Structure formats: structure tokens, C-alpha cells
PDB file of all heavy atoms in Angstrom:
ATOM      1  N   LEU A   1     -31.163 -46.910  15.146  1.00  0.00           N
ATOM      2  CA  LEU A   1     -30.331 -46.646  14.007  1.00  0.00           C
ATOM      3  C   LEU A   1     -30.712 -45.234  13.478  1.00  0.00           C
ATOM      4  O   LEU A   1     -31.892 -44.967  13.444  1.00  0.00           O
ATOM      5  CB  LEU A   1     -30.640 -47.709  12.953  1.00  0.00           C
ATOM      6  CG  LEU A   1     -30.385 -49.085  13.284  1.00  0.00           C
ATOM      7  CD1 LEU A   1     -30.741 -50.126  12.138  1.00  0.00           C
ATOM      8  CD2 LEU A   1     -28.807 -49.391  13.552  1.00  0.00           C
ATOM      9  N   ALA A   2     -29.717 -44.501  13.093  1.00  0.00           N
ATOM     10  CA  ALA A   2     -29.858 -43.147  12.574  1.00  0.00           C
ATOM     11  C   ALA A   2     -28.944 -43.029  11.312  1.00  0.00           C
ATOM     12  O   ALA A   2     -27.768 -43.005  11.503  1.00  0.00           O
ATOM     13  CB  ALA A   2     -29.612 -42.109  13.589  1.00  0.00           C
ATOM     14  N   GLU A   3     -29.606 -42.800  10.165  1.00  0.00           N
ATOM     15  CA  GLU A   3     -28.812 -42.657   9.051  1.00  0.00           C
ATOM     16  C   GLU A   3     -28.632 -41.214   8.734  1.00  0.00           C
ATOM     17  O   GLU A   3     -29.354 -40.330   9.208  1.00  0.00           O
ATOM     18  CB  GLU A   3     -29.664 -43.174   7.740  1.00  0.00           C
ATOM     19  CG  GLU A   3     -29.962 -44.685   7.830  1.00  0.00           C
ATOM     20  CD  GLU A   3     -31.408 -44.825   8.351  1.00  0.00           C
ATOM     21  OE1 GLU A   3     -31.895 -43.962   8.934  1.00  0.00           O
ATOM     22  OE2 GLU A   3     -31.977 -46.013   7.794  1.00  0.00           O
ATOM     23  N   SER A   4     -27.466 -40.882   8.046  1.00  0.00           N
ATOM     24  CA  SER A   4     -27.159 -39.581   7.540  1.00  0.00           C
ATOM     25  C   SER A   4     -26.364 -39.601   6.402  1.00  0.00           C
ATOM     26  O   SER A   4     -25.815 -40.659   5.998  1.00  0.00           O
ATOM     27  CB  SER A   4     -26.417 -38.789   8.732  1.00  0.00           C
ATOM     28  OG  SER A   4     -25.225 -39.439   9.084  1.00  0.00           O
ATOM     29  N   GLY A   5     -26.218 -38.491   5.596  1.00  0.00           N
ATOM     30  CA  GLY A   5     -25.250 -38.394   4.564  1.00  0.00           C
ATOM     31  C   GLY A   5     -26.003 -38.397   3.150  1.00  0.00           C
ATOM     32  O   GLY A   5     -25.329 -38.298   2.110  1.00  0.00           O
ATOM     33  N   GLY A   6     -27.348 -38.624   3.108  1.00  0.00           N
ATOM     34  CA  GLY A   6     -28.049 -38.577   1.933  1.00  0.00           C
ATOM     35  C   GLY A   6     -27.977 -37.093   1.427  1.00  0.00           C
ATOM     36  O   GLY A   6     -27.565 -36.095   1.926  1.00  0.00           O
ATOM     37  N   GLY A   7     -28.496 -36.918   0.124  1.00  0.00           N
ATOM     38  CA  GLY A   7     -28.607 -35.639  -0.600  1.00  0.00           C
ATOM     39  C   GLY A   7     -28.757 -35.703  -2.025  1.00  0.00           C
ATOM     40  O   GLY A   7     -29.073 -36.844  -2.555  1.00  0.00           O
ATOM     41  N   SER A   8     -28.478 -34.663  -2.816  1.00  0.00           N
ATOM     42  CA  SER A   8     -28.627 -34.705  -4.240  1.00  0.00           C
ATOM     43  C   SER A   8     -27.247 -34.461  -4.833  1.00  0.00           C
ATOM     44  O   SER A   8     -26.431 -33.707  -4.380  1.00  0.00           O
ATOM     45  CB  SER A   8     -29.545 -33.444  -4.584  1.00  0.00           C
ATOM     46  OG  SER A   8     -30.877 -33.663  -4.112  1.00  0.00           O
ATOM     47  N   VAL A   9     -27.076 -35.236  -5.754  1.00  0.00           N
ATOM     48  CA  VAL A   9     -25.868 -35.336  -6.525  1.00  0.00           C
ATOM     49  C   VAL A   9     -25.936 -35.578  -8.015  1.00  0.00           C
ATOM     50  O   VAL A   9     -27.114 -36.140  -8.411  1.00  0.00           O
ATOM     51  CB  VAL A   9     -24.827 -36.363  -5.991  1.00  0.00           C
ATOM     52  CG1 VAL A   9     -25.455 -37.693  -6.039  1.00  0.00           C
ATOM     53  CG2 VAL A   9     -23.396 -36.152  -6.406  1.00  0.00           C
ATOM     54  N   GLN A  10     -25.050 -35.050  -8.777  1.00  0.00           N
ATOM     55  CA  GLN A  10     -25.202 -35.401 -10.328  1.00  0.00           C
ATOM     56  C   GLN A  10     -24.698 -36.665 -10.704  1.00  0.00           C
ATOM     57  O   GLN A  10     -23.849 -37.214  -9.882  1.00  0.00           O
ATOM     58  CB  GLN A  10     -24.425 -34.309 -11.055  1.00  0.00           C
ATOM     59  CG  GLN A  10     -25.059 -32.951 -11.116  1.00  0.00           C
ATOM     60  CD  GLN A  10     -24.392 -31.855 -12.066  1.00  0.00           C
ATOM     61  OE1 GLN A  10     -23.371 -31.983 -12.403  1.00  0.00           O
ATOM     62  NE2 GLN A  10     -25.372 -31.024 -12.509  1.00  0.00           N
ATOM     63  N   SER A  11     -25.131 -37.173 -11.659  1.00  0.00           N
ATOM     64  CA  SER A  11     -24.660 -38.532 -12.257  1.00  0.00           C
ATOM     65  C   SER A  11     -23.005 -38.546 -12.206  1.00  0.00           C
ATOM     66  O   SER A  11     -22.488 -37.500 -12.756  1.00  0.00           O
ATOM     67  CB  SER A  11     -25.234 -38.678 -13.648  1.00  0.00           C
ATOM     68  OG  SER A  11     -24.792 -39.990 -14.088  1.00  0.00           O
ATOM     69  N   GLY A  12     -22.540 -39.618 -11.798  1.00  0.00           N
ATOM     70  CA  GLY A  12     -21.075 -39.716 -11.677  1.00  0.00           C
ATOM     71  C   GLY A  12     -20.481 -39.335 -10.444  1.00  0.00           C
ATOM     72  O   GLY A  12     -19.267 -39.541 -10.084  1.00  0.00           O
ATOM     73  N   GLY A  13     -21.254 -38.666  -9.543  1.00  0.00           N
ATOM     74  CA  GLY A  13     -20.759 -38.179  -8.298  1.00  0.00           C
ATOM     75  C   GLY A  13     -20.719 -39.293  -7.213  1.00  0.00           C
ATOM     76  O   GLY A  13     -21.159 -40.459  -7.497  1.00  0.00           O
ATOM     77  N   SER A  14     -20.474 -38.866  -5.982  1.00  0.00           N
ATOM     78  CA  SER A  14     -20.211 -39.636  -4.883  1.00  0.00           C
ATOM     79  C   SER A  14     -20.872 -39.251  -3.655  1.00  0.00           C
ATOM     80  O   SER A  14     -21.042 -37.963  -3.538  1.00  0.00           O
ATOM     81  CB  SER A  14     -18.786 -39.967  -4.555  1.00  0.00           C
ATOM     82  OG  SER A  14     -18.045 -40.482  -5.582  1.00  0.00           O
ATOM     83  N   LEU A  15     -21.317 -40.067  -2.795  1.00  0.00           N
ATOM     84  CA  LEU A  15     -22.002 -39.741  -1.513  1.00  0.00           C
ATOM     85  C   LEU A  15     -21.441 -40.881  -0.590  1.00  0.00           C
ATOM     86  O   LEU A  15     -21.235 -42.001  -0.992  1.00  0.00           O
ATOM     87  CB  LEU A  15     -23.331 -39.729  -1.446  1.00  0.00           C
ATOM     88  CG  LEU A  15     -24.184 -38.478  -2.129  1.00  0.00           C
ATOM     89  CD1 LEU A  15     -25.619 -38.756  -2.244  1.00  0.00           C
ATOM     90  CD2 LEU A  15     -23.945 -37.271  -1.341  1.00  0.00           C
ATOM     91  N   ARG A  16     -21.427 -40.573   0.774  1.00  0.00           N
ATOM     92  CA  ARG A  16     -21.120 -41.534   1.785  1.00  0.00           C
ATOM     93  C   ARG A  16     -22.196 -41.389   2.760  1.00  0.00           C
ATOM     94  O   ARG A  16     -22.472 -40.450   3.418  1.00  0.00           O
ATOM     95  CB  ARG A  16     -19.827 -41.278   2.464  1.00  0.00           C
ATOM     96  CG  ARG A  16     -19.446 -42.518   3.408  1.00  0.00           C
ATOM     97  CD  ARG A  16     -18.055 -42.418   3.983  1.00  0.00           C
ATOM     98  NE  ARG A  16     -17.998 -41.536   5.132  1.00  0.00           N
ATOM     99  CZ  ARG A  16     -17.197 -41.585   6.170  1.00  0.00           C
ATOM    100  NH1 ARG A  16     -16.259 -42.589   6.087  1.00  0.00           N
ATOM    101  NH2 ARG A  16     -17.320 -40.870   7.220  1.00  0.00           N
ATOM    102  N   LEU A  17     -22.850 -42.511   2.918  1.00  0.00           N
ATOM    103  CA  LEU A  17     -24.026 -42.728   3.974  1.00  0.00           C
ATOM    104  C   LEU A  17     -23.397 -43.249   5.289  1.00  0.00           C
ATOM    105  O   LEU A  17     -22.483 -44.104   5.191  1.00  0.00           O
ATOM    106  CB  LEU A  17     -25.097 -43.643   3.461  1.00  0.00           C
ATOM    107  CG  LEU A  17     -25.808 -43.231   2.206  1.00  0.00           C
ATOM    108  CD1 LEU A  17     -26.856 -44.098   1.884  1.00  0.00           C
ATOM    109  CD2 LEU A  17     -26.233 -41.776   2.179  1.00  0.00           C
ATOM    110  N   SER A  18     -23.801 -42.815   6.331  1.00  0.00           N
ATOM    111  CA  SER A  18     -23.450 -43.269   7.640  1.00  0.00           C
ATOM    112  C   SER A  18     -24.755 -43.779   8.392  1.00  0.00           C
ATOM    113  O   SER A  18     -25.818 -43.164   8.286  1.00  0.00           O
ATOM    114  CB  SER A  18     -22.832 -42.190   8.458  1.00  0.00           C
ATOM    115  OG  SER A  18     -21.598 -41.751   7.888  1.00  0.00           O
ATOM    116  N   CYS A  19     -24.533 -44.784   9.241  1.00  0.00           N
ATOM    117  CA  CYS A  19     -25.626 -45.263  10.124  1.00  0.00           C
ATOM    118  C   CYS A  19     -25.110 -45.476  11.446  1.00  0.00           C
ATOM    119  O   CYS A  19     -24.255 -46.364  11.690  1.00  0.00           O
ATOM    120  CB  CYS A  19     -26.192 -46.566   9.538  1.00  0.00           C
ATOM    121  SG  CYS A  19     -27.429 -47.211  10.577  1.00  0.00           S
ATOM    122  N   ALA A  20     -25.538 -44.636  12.392  1.00  0.00           N
ATOM    123  CA  ALA A  20     -24.970 -44.823  13.848  1.00  0.00           C
ATOM    124  C   ALA A  20     -25.957 -45.597  14.549  1.00  0.00           C
ATOM    125  O   ALA A  20     -27.156 -45.392  14.529  1.00  0.00           O
ATOM    126  CB  ALA A  20     -24.895 -43.381  14.406  1.00  0.00           C
ATOM    127  N   ALA A  21     -25.422 -46.560  15.218  1.00  0.00           N
ATOM    128  CA  ALA A  21     -26.338 -47.554  16.105  1.00  0.00           C
ATOM    129  C   ALA A  21     -26.216 -47.354  17.548  1.00  0.00           C
ATOM    130  O   ALA A  21     -24.979 -46.921  17.960  1.00  0.00           O
ATOM    131  CB  ALA A  21     -25.932 -48.996  15.667  1.00  0.00           C
ATOM    132  N   SER A  22     -27.132 -47.532  18.291  1.00  0.00           N
ATOM    133  CA  SER A  22     -27.198 -47.385  19.799  1.00  0.00           C
ATOM    134  C   SER A  22     -28.034 -48.431  20.350  1.00  0.00           C
ATOM    135  O   SER A  22     -28.945 -48.929  19.738  1.00  0.00           O
ATOM    136  CB  SER A  22     -27.473 -46.107  20.289  1.00  0.00           C
ATOM    137  OG  SER A  22     -28.654 -45.682  19.863  1.00  0.00           O
ATOM    138  N   GLY A  23     -27.717 -48.749  21.704  1.00  0.00           N
ATOM    139  CA  GLY A  23     -28.782 -49.619  22.354  1.00  0.00           C
ATOM    140  C   GLY A  23     -28.306 -51.041  22.538  1.00  0.00           C
ATOM    141  O   GLY A  23     -29.007 -51.616  23.287  1.00  0.00           O
ATOM    142  N   SER A  24     -27.472 -51.499  21.848  1.00  0.00           N
ATOM    143  CA  SER A  24     -27.067 -52.852  22.080  1.00  0.00           C
ATOM    144  C   SER A  24     -25.541 -53.189  21.638  1.00  0.00           C
ATOM    145  O   SER A  24     -24.899 -52.167  21.398  1.00  0.00           O
ATOM    146  CB  SER A  24     -27.877 -53.879  21.297  1.00  0.00           C
ATOM    147  OG  SER A  24     -27.691 -55.116  21.626  1.00  0.00           O
ATOM    148  N   ILE A  25     -25.130 -54.263  21.624  1.00  0.00           N
ATOM    149  CA  ILE A  25     -23.668 -54.543  21.313  1.00  0.00           C
ATOM    150  C   ILE A  25     -23.662 -54.595  19.608  1.00  0.00           C
ATOM    151  O   ILE A  25     -23.946 -55.599  19.104  1.00  0.00           O
ATOM    152  CB  ILE A  25     -23.173 -55.754  21.904  1.00  0.00           C
ATOM    153  CG1 ILE A  25     -23.392 -55.713  23.483  1.00  0.00           C
ATOM    154  CG2 ILE A  25     -21.629 -55.978  21.538  1.00  0.00           C
ATOM    155  CD1 ILE A  25     -23.056 -57.064  24.174  1.00  0.00           C
ATOM    156  N   PHE A  26     -23.079 -53.505  19.150  1.00  0.00           N
ATOM    157  CA  PHE A  26     -23.043 -53.288  17.733  1.00  0.00           C
ATOM    158  C   PHE A  26     -22.267 -54.472  17.091  1.00  0.00           C
ATOM    159  O   PHE A  26     -22.800 -54.937  15.984  1.00  0.00           O
ATOM    160  CB  PHE A  26     -22.447 -51.969  17.534  1.00  0.00           C
ATOM    161  CG  PHE A  26     -22.254 -51.654  16.051  1.00  0.00           C
ATOM    162  CD1 PHE A  26     -23.390 -51.222  15.235  1.00  0.00           C
ATOM    163  CD2 PHE A  26     -21.080 -51.770  15.390  1.00  0.00           C
ATOM    164  CE1 PHE A  26     -23.163 -50.963  13.847  1.00  0.00           C
ATOM    165  CE2 PHE A  26     -20.807 -51.524  14.012  1.00  0.00           C
ATOM    166  CZ  PHE A  26     -22.009 -51.051  13.373  1.00  0.00           C
ATOM    167  N   SER A  27     -21.207 -54.848  17.643  1.00  0.00           N
ATOM    168  CA  SER A  27     -20.283 -55.720  16.914  1.00  0.00           C
ATOM    169  C   SER A  27     -21.053 -57.223  16.675  1.00  0.00           C
ATOM    170  O   SER A  27     -20.543 -57.945  15.893  1.00  0.00           O
ATOM    171  CB  SER A  27     -18.929 -55.910  17.708  1.00  0.00           C
ATOM    172  OG  SER A  27     -19.235 -56.441  18.974  1.00  0.00           O
ATOM    173  N   LEU A  28     -22.017 -57.505  17.502  1.00  0.00           N
ATOM    174  CA  LEU A  28     -22.727 -58.827  17.347  1.00  0.00           C
ATOM    175  C   LEU A  28     -23.672 -58.772  16.176  1.00  0.00           C
ATOM    176  O   LEU A  28     -24.163 -59.864  15.888  1.00  0.00           O
ATOM    177  CB  LEU A  28     -23.522 -59.070  18.638  1.00  0.00           C
ATOM    178  CG  LEU A  28     -22.603 -59.231  19.926  1.00  0.00           C
ATOM    179  CD1 LEU A  28     -23.403 -59.516  21.087  1.00  0.00           C
ATOM    180  CD2 LEU A  28     -21.491 -60.256  19.686  1.00  0.00           C
ATOM    181  N   TYR A  29     -24.055 -57.610  15.620  1.00  0.00           N
ATOM    182  CA  TYR A  29     -24.952 -57.486  14.636  1.00  0.00           C
ATOM    183  C   TYR A  29     -24.437 -57.539  13.171  1.00  0.00           C
ATOM    184  O   TYR A  29     -23.517 -56.692  12.942  1.00  0.00           O
ATOM    185  CB  TYR A  29     -25.968 -56.235  14.770  1.00  0.00           C
ATOM    186  CG  TYR A  29     -26.772 -56.424  15.932  1.00  0.00           C
ATOM    187  CD1 TYR A  29     -26.449 -56.339  17.244  1.00  0.00           C
ATOM    188  CD2 TYR A  29     -28.171 -56.692  15.730  1.00  0.00           C
ATOM    189  CE1 TYR A  29     -27.340 -56.518  18.307  1.00  0.00           C
ATOM    190  CE2 TYR A  29     -29.116 -56.845  16.857  1.00  0.00           C
ATOM    191  CZ  TYR A  29     -28.713 -56.821  18.118  1.00  0.00           C
ATOM    192  OH  TYR A  29     -29.518 -56.903  19.068  1.00  0.00           O
ATOM    193  N   GLY A  30     -25.124 -58.176  12.264  1.00  0.00           N
ATOM    194  CA  GLY A  30     -24.947 -57.846  10.921  1.00  0.00           C
ATOM    195  C   GLY A  30     -25.508 -56.570  10.477  1.00  0.00           C
ATOM    196  O   GLY A  30     -26.538 -56.200  11.097  1.00  0.00           O
ATOM    197  N   MET A  31     -25.055 -55.837   9.588  1.00  0.00           N
ATOM    198  CA  MET A  31     -25.461 -54.515   9.159  1.00  0.00           C
ATOM    199  C   MET A  31     -25.735 -54.489   7.681  1.00  0.00           C
ATOM    200  O   MET A  31     -24.920 -54.979   6.931  1.00  0.00           O
ATOM    201  CB  MET A  31     -24.573 -53.435   9.640  1.00  0.00           C
ATOM    202  CG  MET A  31     -24.358 -53.296  11.166  1.00  0.00           C
ATOM    203  SD  MET A  31     -25.697 -52.964  12.150  1.00  0.00           S
ATOM    204  CE  MET A  31     -26.124 -51.361  11.533  1.00  0.00           C
ATOM    205  N   GLY A  32     -26.850 -53.844   7.335  1.00  0.00           N
ATOM    206  CA  GLY A  32     -27.172 -53.736   5.917  1.00  0.00           C
ATOM    207  C   GLY A  32     -27.638 -52.464   5.470  1.00  0.00           C
ATOM    208  O   GLY A  32     -28.179 -51.638   6.290  1.00  0.00           O
ATOM    209  N   TRP A  33     -27.588 -52.219   4.223  1.00  0.00           N
ATOM    210  CA  TRP A  33     -28.162 -50.990   3.476  1.00  0.00           C
ATOM    211  C   TRP A  33     -29.075 -51.537   2.447  1.00  0.00           C
ATOM    212  O   TRP A  33     -28.883 -52.378   1.637  1.00  0.00           O
ATOM    213  CB  TRP A  33     -27.145 -50.203   2.819  1.00  0.00           C
ATOM    214  CG  TRP A  33     -26.266 -49.368   3.780  1.00  0.00           C
ATOM    215  CD1 TRP A  33     -25.097 -49.699   4.115  1.00  0.00           C
ATOM    216  CD2 TRP A  33     -26.685 -48.075   4.437  1.00  0.00           C
ATOM    217  NE1 TRP A  33     -24.640 -48.701   5.150  1.00  0.00           N
ATOM    218  CE2 TRP A  33     -25.648 -47.779   5.179  1.00  0.00           C
ATOM    219  CE3 TRP A  33     -27.774 -47.218   4.305  1.00  0.00           C
ATOM    220  CZ2 TRP A  33     -25.556 -46.575   5.954  1.00  0.00           C
ATOM    221  CZ3 TRP A  33     -27.778 -46.116   5.006  1.00  0.00           C
ATOM    222  CH2 TRP A  33     -26.742 -45.679   5.929  1.00  0.00           C
ATOM    223  N   TYR A  34     -30.330 -50.999   2.542  1.00  0.00           N
ATOM    224  CA  TYR A  34     -31.451 -51.325   1.607  1.00  0.00           C
ATOM    225  C   TYR A  34     -31.897 -49.993   0.971  1.00  0.00           C
ATOM    226  O   TYR A  34     -31.546 -48.933   1.322  1.00  0.00           O
ATOM    227  CB  TYR A  34     -32.521 -51.954   2.214  1.00  0.00           C
ATOM    228  CG  TYR A  34     -32.445 -53.343   2.703  1.00  0.00           C
ATOM    229  CD1 TYR A  34     -31.556 -53.732   3.702  1.00  0.00           C
ATOM    230  CD2 TYR A  34     -33.086 -54.438   2.150  1.00  0.00           C
ATOM    231  CE1 TYR A  34     -31.348 -54.996   4.149  1.00  0.00           C
ATOM    232  CE2 TYR A  34     -32.946 -55.731   2.477  1.00  0.00           C
ATOM    233  CZ  TYR A  34     -32.088 -56.045   3.505  1.00  0.00           C
ATOM    234  OH  TYR A  34     -31.942 -57.324   3.809  1.00  0.00           O
ATOM    235  N   ARG A  35     -32.516 -50.020  -0.149  1.00  0.00           N
ATOM    236  CA  ARG A  35     -33.086 -48.854  -0.822  1.00  0.00           C
ATOM    237  C   ARG A  35     -34.409 -49.042  -1.397  1.00  0.00           C
ATOM    238  O   ARG A  35     -34.766 -50.293  -1.765  1.00  0.00           O
ATOM    239  CB  ARG A  35     -32.194 -48.323  -1.750  1.00  0.00           C
ATOM    240  CG  ARG A  35     -31.990 -49.143  -3.097  1.00  0.00           C
ATOM    241  CD  ARG A  35     -30.918 -48.576  -4.028  1.00  0.00           C
ATOM    242  NE  ARG A  35     -30.650 -49.307  -5.164  1.00  0.00           N
ATOM    243  CZ  ARG A  35     -29.713 -49.096  -6.181  1.00  0.00           C
ATOM    244  NH1 ARG A  35     -28.894 -48.133  -5.865  1.00  0.00           N
ATOM    245  NH2 ARG A  35     -29.645 -49.886  -7.157  1.00  0.00           N
ATOM    246  N   GLN A  36     -35.281 -48.110  -1.330  1.00  0.00           N
ATOM    247  CA  GLN A  36     -36.619 -48.234  -1.966  1.00  0.00           C
ATOM    248  C   GLN A  36     -36.888 -47.005  -2.940  1.00  0.00           C
ATOM    249  O   GLN A  36     -36.833 -45.872  -2.426  1.00  0.00           O
ATOM    250  CB  GLN A  36     -37.642 -48.349  -0.688  1.00  0.00           C
ATOM    251  CG  GLN A  36     -38.934 -48.620  -1.324  1.00  0.00           C
ATOM    252  CD  GLN A  36     -39.868 -48.901  -0.227  1.00  0.00           C
ATOM    253  OE1 GLN A  36     -39.618 -48.615   1.039  1.00  0.00           O
ATOM    254  NE2 GLN A  36     -41.104 -49.533  -0.501  1.00  0.00           N
ATOM    255  N   ALA A  37     -36.939 -47.343  -4.198  1.00  0.00           N
ATOM    256  CA  ALA A  37     -37.385 -46.338  -5.110  1.00  0.00           C
ATOM    257  C   ALA A  37     -38.922 -46.085  -5.101  1.00  0.00           C
ATOM    258  O   ALA A  37     -39.610 -46.983  -4.798  1.00  0.00           O
ATOM    259  CB  ALA A  37     -36.741 -46.716  -6.406  1.00  0.00           C
ATOM    260  N   PRO A  38     -39.421 -45.016  -5.601  1.00  0.00           N
ATOM    261  CA  PRO A  38     -40.715 -44.723  -5.654  1.00  0.00           C
ATOM    262  C   PRO A  38     -41.502 -45.766  -6.327  1.00  0.00           C
ATOM    263  O   PRO A  38     -41.099 -46.064  -7.619  1.00  0.00           O
ATOM    264  CB  PRO A  38     -40.928 -43.348  -6.407  1.00  0.00           C
ATOM    265  CG  PRO A  38     -39.716 -42.631  -6.056  1.00  0.00           C
ATOM    266  CD  PRO A  38     -38.672 -43.753  -5.919  1.00  0.00           C
ATOM    267  N   GLY A  39     -42.497 -46.340  -5.755  1.00  0.00           N
ATOM    268  CA  GLY A  39     -43.404 -47.297  -6.429  1.00  0.00           C
ATOM    269  C   GLY A  39     -42.707 -48.681  -6.519  1.00  0.00           C
ATOM    270  O   GLY A  39     -43.272 -49.611  -7.087  1.00  0.00           O
TER     271      GLY A  39
END
């Protein structure tokens, strides 16, 4: 899995993250986004 699309934005703004998958049959997998803030 390879994520892209992160960056810096002001409050109220928008971003679109992408995650490209390879190596297996993508359609068989559930996909998720998680996040981890400092600490």
C-alpha cells in the first residue's frame, strides 16, 4: 500500500488522500483509513 495526498492546509480546507494497492486482488479486500496524532 502506498498513500499520497497529504500536506498542510488551513482550517476549513480540503484534501484528498489516495492509497494505491498492489500485489493481490484488490476487490477482495476491505480498505480503511486510520490516523495517529502525536502521543
